[in-house]
Protein backbone atom coordinates (compact mmCIF):
# COMPACT_ATOMS: atom_id res chain seq x y z
CA MET A 1 0.02 -0.03 0.14
CA GLU A 2 1.17 3.75 -1.04
CA ARG A 3 1.85 5.62 2.06
CA ARG A 4 -0.07 8.46 1.39
CA HIS A 5 -3.51 5.85 0.75
CA PHE A 6 -2.02 4.84 4.55
CA LEU A 7 -2.66 8.33 5.65
CA GLN A 8 -6.05 8.31 3.94
CA LEU A 9 -7.14 4.96 5.54
CA LEU A 10 -6.12 6.09 8.90
CA VAL A 11 -7.67 9.78 8.62
CA SER A 12 -11.29 7.66 7.17
CA THR A 13 -11.03 5.07 10.52
CA ALA A 14 -10.59 7.49 12.83
CA ILE A 15 -13.92 9.57 11.28
CA ALA A 16 -16.00 7.10 10.39
CA SER A 17 -18.62 7.25 13.40
CA HIS A 18 -17.73 10.86 13.70
CA LEU A 19 -19.21 12.27 10.43
CA THR A 20 -21.40 9.79 9.54
CA GLY A 21 -24.48 11.51 7.85
CA ALA A 22 -22.41 15.08 8.17
CA ASN A 23 -22.25 17.52 5.58
CA ALA A 24 -18.80 18.36 4.36
CA ARG A 25 -17.13 21.18 5.32
CA GLU A 26 -16.87 24.40 3.30
CA SER A 27 -14.21 26.63 2.19
CA ALA A 28 -13.88 29.70 4.07
CA LEU A 29 -14.21 31.77 0.94
CA PRO A 30 -14.53 31.62 -2.90
CA ALA A 31 -12.02 32.37 -4.71
CA ALA A 32 -10.96 35.53 -5.59
CA GLY A 33 -13.89 37.28 -7.85
CA GLU A 34 -13.41 37.20 -12.06
CA LEU A 35 -13.49 40.21 -13.92
CA SER A 36 -15.70 39.04 -16.42
CA GLN A 37 -16.66 42.29 -18.20
CA SER A 38 -13.19 42.65 -20.04
CA PRO A 39 -11.48 39.99 -22.46
CA LEU A 40 -8.45 40.88 -20.92
CA PRO A 41 -8.26 41.11 -16.96
CA TRP A 42 -5.38 40.31 -14.93
CA ARG A 43 -4.88 38.30 -11.55
CA ASN A 44 -1.98 36.72 -9.84
CA TRP A 45 -1.54 33.11 -9.66
CA SER A 46 -3.42 32.77 -6.19
CA GLY A 47 -6.29 34.90 -7.33
CA SER A 48 -5.28 37.59 -4.29
CA GLN A 49 -4.79 40.38 -6.81
CA THR A 50 -6.98 41.45 -9.60
CA CYS A 51 -7.26 44.36 -11.84
CA LEU A 52 -8.91 45.70 -15.25
CA PRO A 53 -6.19 47.16 -17.10
CA LYS A 54 -6.44 49.81 -20.11
CA ASN A 55 -4.35 47.49 -22.05
CA ARG A 56 -2.15 44.69 -21.89
CA VAL A 57 1.36 44.86 -24.34
CA ALA A 58 4.25 42.53 -24.55
CA PRO A 59 6.75 44.47 -26.63
CA ALA A 60 9.11 42.28 -28.73
CA ASN A 61 12.00 44.07 -28.69
CA ILE A 62 13.67 47.76 -27.00
CA ASP A 63 12.45 49.68 -29.81
CA GLU A 64 8.62 48.67 -29.50
CA LEU A 65 9.21 49.06 -25.54
CA ARG A 66 10.31 52.15 -26.40
CA HIS A 67 8.12 53.17 -28.28
CA LEU A 68 5.12 52.07 -25.65
CA LEU A 69 7.16 54.72 -22.99
CA GLN A 70 7.57 57.31 -25.76
CA ASN A 71 3.76 57.17 -27.47
CA SER A 72 1.91 60.54 -26.52
CA GLU A 73 -0.86 58.65 -26.52
CA HIS A 74 0.17 57.04 -22.88
CA ALA A 75 1.37 59.91 -21.61
CA GLY A 76 0.15 60.24 -18.30
CA THR A 77 -1.22 56.67 -18.20
CA THR A 78 0.35 54.27 -15.44
CA ILE A 79 2.54 51.95 -16.74
CA ARG A 80 3.17 48.38 -14.36
CA PRO A 81 5.76 45.43 -15.60
CA VAL A 82 4.31 42.54 -15.32
CA GLY A 83 6.23 39.11 -14.78
CA SER A 84 4.43 35.72 -13.88
CA GLY A 85 2.14 36.76 -11.35
CA HIS A 86 3.99 34.89 -8.62
CA SER A 87 3.94 38.01 -5.98
CA PHE A 88 0.78 38.09 -3.31
CA SER A 89 1.04 41.46 -2.65
CA ALA A 90 -0.42 44.51 -5.05
CA LEU A 91 2.70 45.47 -6.71
CA VAL A 92 1.13 44.62 -10.22
CA PRO A 93 -2.53 45.71 -9.91
CA THR A 94 -3.49 49.34 -12.37
CA ASP A 95 -6.28 50.50 -14.46
CA GLY A 96 -3.58 51.71 -17.00
CA ILE A 97 -1.02 49.47 -19.36
CA LEU A 98 0.64 46.49 -17.93
CA VAL A 99 3.89 45.41 -19.81
CA SER A 100 5.24 41.67 -19.61
CA LEU A 101 8.93 41.22 -21.07
CA ALA A 102 7.47 37.39 -21.96
CA ARG A 103 8.43 38.04 -25.45
CA MET A 104 11.96 39.38 -24.67
CA THR A 105 14.20 36.41 -23.19
CA GLY A 106 16.91 34.13 -23.21
CA VAL A 107 20.63 34.29 -22.79
CA LEU A 108 21.93 37.39 -24.47
CA SER A 109 25.88 37.41 -23.87
CA HIS A 110 28.42 35.67 -21.66
CA ASP A 111 31.72 36.45 -20.57
CA ASP A 112 33.34 33.02 -19.68
CA GLN A 113 36.23 34.46 -18.00
CA GLN A 114 34.64 36.50 -15.44
CA CYS A 115 31.82 33.49 -15.24
CA GLN A 116 28.75 36.18 -16.43
CA ALA A 117 25.99 36.22 -18.08
CA ARG A 118 23.35 39.06 -19.73
CA ILE A 119 19.75 37.21 -19.42
CA ALA A 120 17.02 38.89 -21.16
CA ALA A 121 14.63 40.25 -18.17
CA GLY A 122 11.15 38.14 -19.48
CA THR A 123 13.22 34.93 -18.88
CA LEU A 124 11.63 32.70 -16.97
CA LEU A 125 13.79 31.09 -14.00
CA GLY A 126 13.42 27.69 -15.24
CA GLN A 127 14.40 28.47 -18.71
CA VAL A 128 18.01 29.34 -17.31
CA GLY A 129 19.99 26.45 -16.03
CA ARG A 130 19.94 24.62 -19.44
CA PRO A 131 21.39 27.58 -21.26
CA LEU A 132 23.92 28.29 -18.26
CA GLU A 133 25.34 24.90 -18.35
CA ALA A 134 25.55 24.65 -22.03
CA ILE A 135 28.19 27.67 -21.98
CA ASN A 136 29.75 26.24 -18.47
CA GLN A 137 27.81 28.28 -15.75
CA ALA A 138 25.32 27.75 -13.41
CA LEU A 139 23.52 30.29 -10.84
CA PHE A 140 25.00 30.32 -7.20
CA ASN A 141 21.20 29.38 -6.08
CA MET A 142 17.68 29.30 -6.79
CA PRO A 143 13.97 29.58 -4.52
CA ASP A 144 11.73 26.56 -5.00
CA ILE A 145 9.46 27.66 -8.22
CA ASP A 146 11.15 28.11 -11.39
CA GLN A 147 8.04 29.60 -12.97
CA GLN A 148 8.91 33.08 -12.13
CA ALA A 149 9.94 35.90 -14.11
CA LEU A 150 13.71 36.73 -14.05
CA GLY A 151 12.76 40.33 -13.70
CA GLY A 152 10.16 40.00 -10.92
CA LEU A 153 11.88 38.13 -9.03
CA LEU A 154 14.85 40.30 -8.92
CA ALA A 155 12.97 43.31 -8.27
CA THR A 156 11.48 41.74 -5.38
CA ALA A 157 14.63 39.82 -3.70
CA THR A 158 13.25 36.62 -4.18
CA HIS A 159 15.56 34.24 -2.76
CA GLY A 160 16.47 30.32 -2.31
CA THR A 161 18.14 28.92 0.86
CA GLY A 162 21.49 28.83 2.12
CA ALA A 163 23.46 30.55 5.03
CA GLY A 164 26.05 31.54 2.76
CA LEU A 165 24.35 32.31 0.19
CA MET A 166 22.59 35.33 -0.95
CA SER A 167 19.06 36.03 -2.77
CA LEU A 168 19.28 36.71 -6.21
CA SER A 169 19.68 40.54 -6.47
CA GLY A 170 23.02 40.01 -4.90
CA TYR A 171 24.59 38.55 -7.75
CA VAL A 172 23.46 40.94 -9.76
CA GLU A 173 26.53 42.76 -11.42
CA ALA A 174 24.93 44.76 -13.78
CA LEU A 175 21.70 45.91 -15.52
CA THR A 176 20.03 47.52 -18.08
CA LEU A 177 17.28 50.21 -17.13
CA MET A 178 14.65 52.00 -19.44
CA THR A 179 13.39 55.22 -18.09
CA ALA A 180 9.62 56.64 -18.60
CA GLY A 181 11.26 59.05 -21.25
CA GLY A 182 12.68 55.91 -22.99
CA GLU A 183 16.49 56.53 -22.40
CA LEU A 184 17.92 53.19 -21.76
CA LEU A 185 20.83 53.41 -19.19
CA GLU A 186 23.60 50.57 -18.22
CA CYS A 187 24.03 50.24 -14.55
CA SER A 188 26.69 48.81 -12.54
CA ARG A 189 28.63 49.45 -9.82
CA ARG A 190 30.72 52.12 -12.06
CA GLN A 191 27.99 53.27 -14.31
CA HIS A 192 24.99 55.39 -12.32
CA PRO A 193 26.09 53.40 -9.36
CA GLU A 194 23.03 55.25 -7.06
CA ILE A 195 20.46 53.66 -9.74
CA PHE A 196 22.02 49.86 -9.58
CA HIS A 197 21.71 49.90 -6.05
CA ALA A 198 18.03 51.00 -5.84
CA ALA A 199 17.16 48.95 -9.36
CA ARG A 200 18.63 45.42 -7.99
CA VAL A 201 15.49 45.27 -5.69
CA GLY A 202 13.54 48.35 -7.59
CA LEU A 203 9.88 46.59 -7.24
CA GLY A 204 9.55 48.03 -10.98
CA CYS A 205 9.11 51.53 -9.89
CA LEU A 206 12.40 52.89 -11.04
CA GLY A 207 11.67 52.07 -14.78
CA ILE A 208 11.54 48.58 -16.93
CA VAL A 209 14.78 46.66 -16.18
CA THR A 210 15.26 44.93 -19.53
CA ASP A 211 17.77 42.42 -18.90
CA VAL A 212 20.71 41.84 -15.79
CA THR A 213 23.94 40.16 -15.71
CA LEU A 214 24.45 38.09 -13.12
CA GLN A 215 27.51 36.69 -11.12
CA ASN A 216 27.56 32.69 -11.93
CA THR A 217 29.50 29.51 -11.11
CA ARG A 218 30.72 26.78 -12.81
CA PRO A 219 28.09 23.91 -13.35
CA TYR A 220 27.70 21.58 -10.01
CA ARG A 221 25.98 18.48 -8.87
CA LEU A 222 24.16 18.63 -5.49
CA ARG A 223 22.82 15.65 -3.04
CA LYS A 224 19.66 16.66 -1.72
CA THR A 225 18.01 14.65 1.38
CA THR A 226 14.76 15.28 2.76
CA GLU A 227 14.07 13.61 6.15
CA TRP A 228 11.22 13.27 8.81
CA LEU A 229 11.70 14.69 12.23
CA PRO A 230 10.41 15.75 15.70
CA LEU A 231 10.30 19.35 15.43
CA ASP A 232 11.89 19.75 18.71
CA ASP A 233 14.96 17.97 16.85
CA ILE A 234 14.58 20.17 13.67
CA LEU A 235 14.86 23.61 16.20
CA ASP A 236 16.96 22.13 18.22
CA ALA A 237 20.03 21.46 15.08
CA ALA A 238 18.78 24.16 12.67
CA ASP A 239 21.46 26.68 12.92
CA ALA A 240 24.34 24.12 13.25
CA ARG A 241 22.58 22.28 10.13
CA ALA A 242 22.53 25.62 8.28
CA ASP A 243 25.87 26.32 8.81
CA GLN A 244 26.95 22.88 7.48
CA HIS A 245 25.41 22.16 4.88
CA ARG A 246 25.41 24.60 1.34
CA ASN A 247 21.23 25.02 1.39
CA TYR A 248 19.53 24.07 4.11
CA GLU A 249 15.48 24.72 5.12
CA PHE A 250 12.87 22.92 7.18
CA TYR A 251 8.96 23.18 7.04
CA TYR A 252 6.45 22.26 9.63
CA ILE A 253 3.36 20.60 9.21
CA PRO A 254 0.85 22.12 11.93
CA PHE A 255 -0.90 19.85 14.44
CA SER A 256 1.42 17.15 13.47
CA GLY A 257 4.96 17.92 16.11
CA MET A 258 6.75 16.71 12.90
CA GLY A 259 8.47 18.27 9.68
CA PHE A 260 10.67 17.73 7.27
CA THR A 261 13.95 19.21 6.64
CA SER A 262 16.05 19.39 3.28
CA GLN A 263 19.26 19.79 2.83
CA HIS A 264 21.86 20.08 0.07
CA ASP A 265 25.51 19.52 -0.26
CA LEU A 266 28.09 19.76 -3.35
CA THR A 267 28.41 16.43 -5.02
CA ASP A 268 30.48 14.06 -7.25
CA GLU A 269 27.71 10.95 -7.12
CA PRO A 270 26.33 9.65 -9.99
CA VAL A 271 22.36 11.29 -11.01
CA SER A 272 20.28 9.24 -8.91
CA ALA A 273 16.83 9.49 -7.05
CA THR A 274 14.58 7.50 -4.15
CA ALA A 275 11.30 7.43 -4.14
CA GLN A 276 9.62 10.90 -3.32
CA LEU A 277 6.80 12.34 -2.20
CA ASP A 278 4.82 14.29 -4.36
CA GLN A 279 4.31 17.64 -2.61
CA ASN A 280 0.80 18.76 -4.20
CA ASP A 281 -0.09 14.88 -3.29
CA GLY A 282 0.79 15.57 0.26
CA ALA A 283 -0.84 18.99 0.25
CA ARG A 284 -4.39 17.75 -0.88
CA ASP A 285 -3.71 14.82 2.29
CA LEU A 286 -3.20 17.25 4.67
CA GLN A 287 -6.44 19.34 3.68
CA ARG A 288 -8.21 16.04 4.15
CA ALA A 289 -6.59 15.33 7.58
CA ARG A 290 -7.60 18.81 8.43
CA ASP A 291 -11.18 18.61 7.07
CA TYR A 292 -12.21 15.43 8.74
CA LEU A 293 -10.05 15.80 12.13
CA ALA A 294 -10.45 19.62 13.02
CA TRP A 295 -13.18 18.37 15.63
CA SER A 296 -10.37 16.43 17.71
CA PRO A 297 -6.76 18.06 16.93
CA ARG A 298 -5.21 15.83 19.62
CA LEU A 299 -6.64 13.31 17.32
CA ARG A 300 -5.26 14.91 14.36
CA ARG A 301 -1.53 15.19 15.70
CA LEU A 302 -1.58 11.46 16.72
CA ILE A 303 -2.41 10.46 13.16
CA LEU A 304 -0.37 12.67 11.34
CA GLY A 305 2.77 12.46 14.13
CA GLY A 306 2.13 8.64 13.63
CA TYR A 307 1.94 8.87 9.75
CA ILE A 308 5.04 10.78 8.98
CA ARG A 309 7.13 8.86 11.37
CA THR A 310 6.55 6.35 8.70
CA LEU A 311 7.95 8.17 5.89
CA ASP A 312 11.59 7.43 4.66
CA LYS A 313 14.43 9.81 4.07
CA GLU A 314 14.48 10.97 0.36
CA VAL A 315 17.77 11.70 -1.42
CA LYS A 316 17.90 13.11 -5.01
CA VAL A 317 21.29 13.56 -6.83
CA ALA A 318 21.28 16.15 -9.66
CA ALA A 319 22.18 19.16 -11.36
CA SER A 320 22.05 22.23 -9.46
CA TRP A 321 19.11 23.32 -11.51
CA GLN A 322 17.41 20.45 -11.19
CA ASN A 323 17.16 19.64 -7.54
CA TYR A 324 16.37 23.07 -6.28
CA THR A 325 12.76 23.40 -7.52
CA SER A 326 9.64 21.69 -7.66
CA ASP A 327 5.79 22.34 -9.07
CA ARG A 328 3.63 23.94 -6.98
CA ASN A 329 0.14 23.30 -8.15
CA VAL A 330 -1.78 23.67 -5.11
CA ARG A 331 -2.34 27.50 -4.84
CA PHE A 332 -2.07 29.71 -1.20
CA ASN A 333 -1.14 32.84 -0.18
CA GLU A 334 1.28 33.87 1.71
CA MET A 335 3.01 36.12 4.36
CA GLU A 336 6.94 35.51 4.70
CA TYR A 337 9.49 37.92 6.87
CA HIS A 338 13.06 37.82 6.93
CA LEU A 339 14.14 38.58 10.51
CA PRO A 340 17.66 38.68 12.11
CA ARG A 341 18.85 35.19 12.69
CA GLU A 342 19.76 35.53 16.56
CA ASN A 343 15.77 36.39 16.07
CA TRP A 344 14.10 33.95 14.41
CA GLN A 345 13.90 30.68 16.91
CA ALA A 346 11.87 32.53 19.78
CA ALA A 347 9.37 33.94 16.79
CA PHE A 348 8.56 30.83 15.08
CA ARG A 349 8.34 28.79 18.27
CA GLU A 350 5.89 31.96 18.77
CA ILE A 351 4.05 31.72 15.95
CA VAL A 352 3.14 27.70 16.19
CA SER A 353 1.79 28.14 19.74
CA VAL A 354 -0.84 30.83 18.38
CA VAL A 355 -1.81 28.94 15.09
CA GLU A 356 -2.38 25.61 17.20
CA ALA A 357 -4.03 27.24 19.67
CA GLN A 358 -6.26 29.61 17.53
CA PHE A 359 -6.46 28.39 13.90
CA PRO A 360 -7.31 24.73 14.28
CA GLU A 361 -7.63 24.80 9.91
CA VAL A 362 -4.45 25.37 8.99
CA PHE A 363 -3.02 23.03 7.09
CA PHE A 364 -0.30 24.05 4.91
CA PRO A 365 3.24 23.70 6.10
CA PHE A 366 5.23 26.76 7.46
CA GLU A 367 8.54 27.39 6.06
CA VAL A 368 12.42 28.57 6.94
CA ARG A 369 15.04 29.23 4.98
CA PHE A 370 18.43 30.96 5.56
CA VAL A 371 19.76 33.67 3.73
CA LYS A 372 23.47 35.86 3.75
CA ALA A 373 23.44 39.56 3.83
CA ASP A 374 24.02 41.69 0.53
CA ASP A 375 23.93 45.61 -0.34
CA ALA A 376 20.87 46.29 -2.51
CA TRP A 377 19.59 48.76 -0.76
CA LEU A 378 15.53 47.68 -0.72
CA SER A 379 16.65 44.00 -0.37
CA PRO A 380 15.09 42.80 3.15
CA PHE A 381 18.86 41.50 3.70
CA TYR A 382 20.51 44.43 3.48
CA GLN A 383 23.51 44.56 5.87
CA ARG A 384 22.50 41.24 7.67
CA ASP A 385 22.11 37.81 7.68
CA SER A 386 18.57 36.58 8.25
CA VAL A 387 15.99 33.72 8.46
CA SER A 388 12.99 33.82 6.52
CA ILE A 389 9.84 32.50 7.89
CA ALA A 390 7.33 31.98 5.48
CA VAL A 391 2.95 30.79 6.73
CA HIS A 392 0.37 29.76 4.09
CA ARG A 393 -3.14 29.77 3.60
CA PHE A 394 -5.09 27.82 1.09
CA PHE A 395 -5.96 29.84 -1.62
CA GLU A 396 -9.57 29.90 -0.89
CA GLU A 397 -9.64 30.35 3.11
CA ASP A 398 -9.51 33.75 4.16
CA TYR A 399 -6.00 34.11 5.30
CA GLN A 400 -6.41 37.56 6.90
CA PRO A 401 -7.37 36.67 10.53
CA MET A 402 -4.13 34.28 11.08
CA PHE A 403 -1.81 36.64 8.96
CA ALA A 404 -3.32 39.50 11.66
CA ALA A 405 -2.27 37.50 14.29
CA LEU A 406 1.29 36.14 13.17
CA GLU A 407 2.62 39.50 11.63
CA PRO A 408 2.57 41.49 14.95
CA ILE A 409 5.27 38.36 16.26
CA LEU A 410 7.63 38.95 13.24
CA LEU A 411 7.58 42.54 12.84
CA ARG A 412 8.41 42.47 17.34
CA HIS A 413 11.38 40.58 16.38
CA GLY A 414 12.56 42.27 14.04
CA GLY A 415 11.47 41.35 10.47
CA ARG A 416 11.18 42.74 7.01
CA PRO A 417 8.88 41.72 5.12
CA HIS A 418 9.34 39.90 1.47
CA TRP A 419 8.16 42.25 -1.18
CA GLY A 420 6.17 39.90 -3.56
CA LYS A 421 4.68 38.87 -0.29
CA LEU A 422 1.57 39.85 1.93
CA ASN A 423 2.06 42.52 4.49
CA THR A 424 0.19 45.66 6.12
CA LEU A 425 3.14 47.98 6.41
CA LYS A 426 2.96 51.43 5.46
CA SER A 427 5.65 53.94 4.41
CA GLY A 428 6.56 54.66 7.38
CA ASP A 429 7.05 51.29 8.46
CA PHE A 430 9.41 50.63 5.72
CA ARG A 431 11.11 54.18 6.21
CA ALA A 432 12.06 52.76 10.02
CA LEU A 433 13.23 49.30 8.57
CA TYR A 434 15.68 50.39 5.71
CA PRO A 435 18.45 52.85 6.33
CA ARG A 436 18.60 53.59 2.42
CA TRP A 437 14.83 53.81 2.06
CA GLN A 438 15.08 57.81 1.33
CA ASP A 439 17.93 57.35 -1.13
CA PHE A 440 15.67 54.78 -2.91
CA LEU A 441 12.98 57.60 -2.84
CA ASP A 442 15.61 60.33 -4.32
CA VAL A 443 16.89 58.04 -7.22
CA ARG A 444 13.00 56.93 -7.98
CA ARG A 445 11.93 60.78 -8.33
CA SER A 446 14.52 61.54 -10.60
CA LEU A 447 14.14 58.91 -12.53
CA ASP A 448 9.90 58.84 -12.73
CA PRO A 449 9.38 62.56 -11.75
CA GLY A 450 5.41 61.77 -13.41
CA GLY A 451 5.19 58.79 -11.16
CA ARG A 452 4.16 57.06 -14.09
CA PHE A 453 5.45 53.74 -12.83
CA LEU A 454 3.35 53.84 -9.52
CA ASN A 455 0.40 51.79 -9.04
CA PRO A 456 -2.05 53.14 -6.21
CA TYR A 457 -0.31 50.87 -3.72
CA LEU A 458 3.48 52.19 -4.85
CA ALA A 459 2.50 55.68 -4.49
CA GLY A 460 0.71 55.11 -0.87
CA LEU A 461 4.75 53.44 0.20
CA PHE A 462 6.53 56.47 -1.57
CA GLU A 463 4.36 59.31 -0.54
CA THR A 464 6.16 62.17 1.25
CA ALA A 465 5.88 65.44 3.10
CA GLY A 466 6.35 67.46 -0.08
CA GLY A 467 4.32 65.29 -2.49
CA ARG A 468 4.41 61.99 -4.34
CA ALA A 469 8.33 60.67 -4.52
């Protein structure tokens, strides 16, 4: 019998008498509303953000993008760059023009001696690994979803895990930015350094980044090991294991007392893999256990914990770009904060306590990752090594009560929110969190004095006493 069927049998047996004749539990909220009055509405991956833009365009080259920005017909119209829609915050929605660079993709050039590659910003992360391998290069690190556009993930400081590894924005050596007036600026630490430091995590509000040059490394192979352990054992060893392994993260399964660790180490072993638990099937199984056992947290913990203890260690040896990512087909909404490394354990224990006392409907795992400091002005990892704590809610459910209960904990422990994840912070909050906030505002105003790249959310963040920044 497959183990996931074994879990279904355990749950079914436990509830057979309790649920006889009962109605199935209904979701707290329906999916986000559709904008059916238009053939071209936009919504993000989870459905938490929607808009009905005036127009959606996908220029094929630099000249078409410049024509769009310089076209007098669009003067004064808000323009927002859009990637693959994997951000949960309100960075994209506008009633103006959405600009996709999905037709501007690929590795444009490379420098073998410096091990650098110039890549078009519309390229999906999943389209980068093989072409880089063909020129004897590889990314230092990757996040766990590879369907994000390079421009969007860099604009929001998207990251993987590794105590000695930065977010992808930290590896940007140069970038090309098209301003509101159609001017093309080549930016690096030597050319337009102020713009470079601002635009590496620019939220798409300085202009449109058309390509980036990444510092890479030579191709490498990873041994990925996934192991299921009691939460107390995970927490006791987490900091030491994060320093020991090239990449290390863990997930906690609410109401189980158990979680799993994932670590990557460099290896020359041949490519191989043991049987892997499908994460999407696993999420659905956790949802079923929640649906049928929410009436008894003790029984839910007993069954989930007992089941998880039967799971074997998983090992996969593969090229780096094939080992970092996984498919995420079960949609969710997410809040993620990045905390000073010395504070994360206290915050995480408090989060687990609050959720298991107040939110029995939660079933998505919590995720913890480690990230090295960088120097991009609006990077959440600016000048400090961090630990990221991410919490999720199923996309059809109301995430607000749980996120509202947990956000003060994350803030109290010094957290900075992921720019692409849900949060409630305002301009003054971000000013207090970012030492170079005013410098970013000054650069933004100089590049886009008319605010063409500001939607309502961003305009609210960058308003100053003297007006729009």
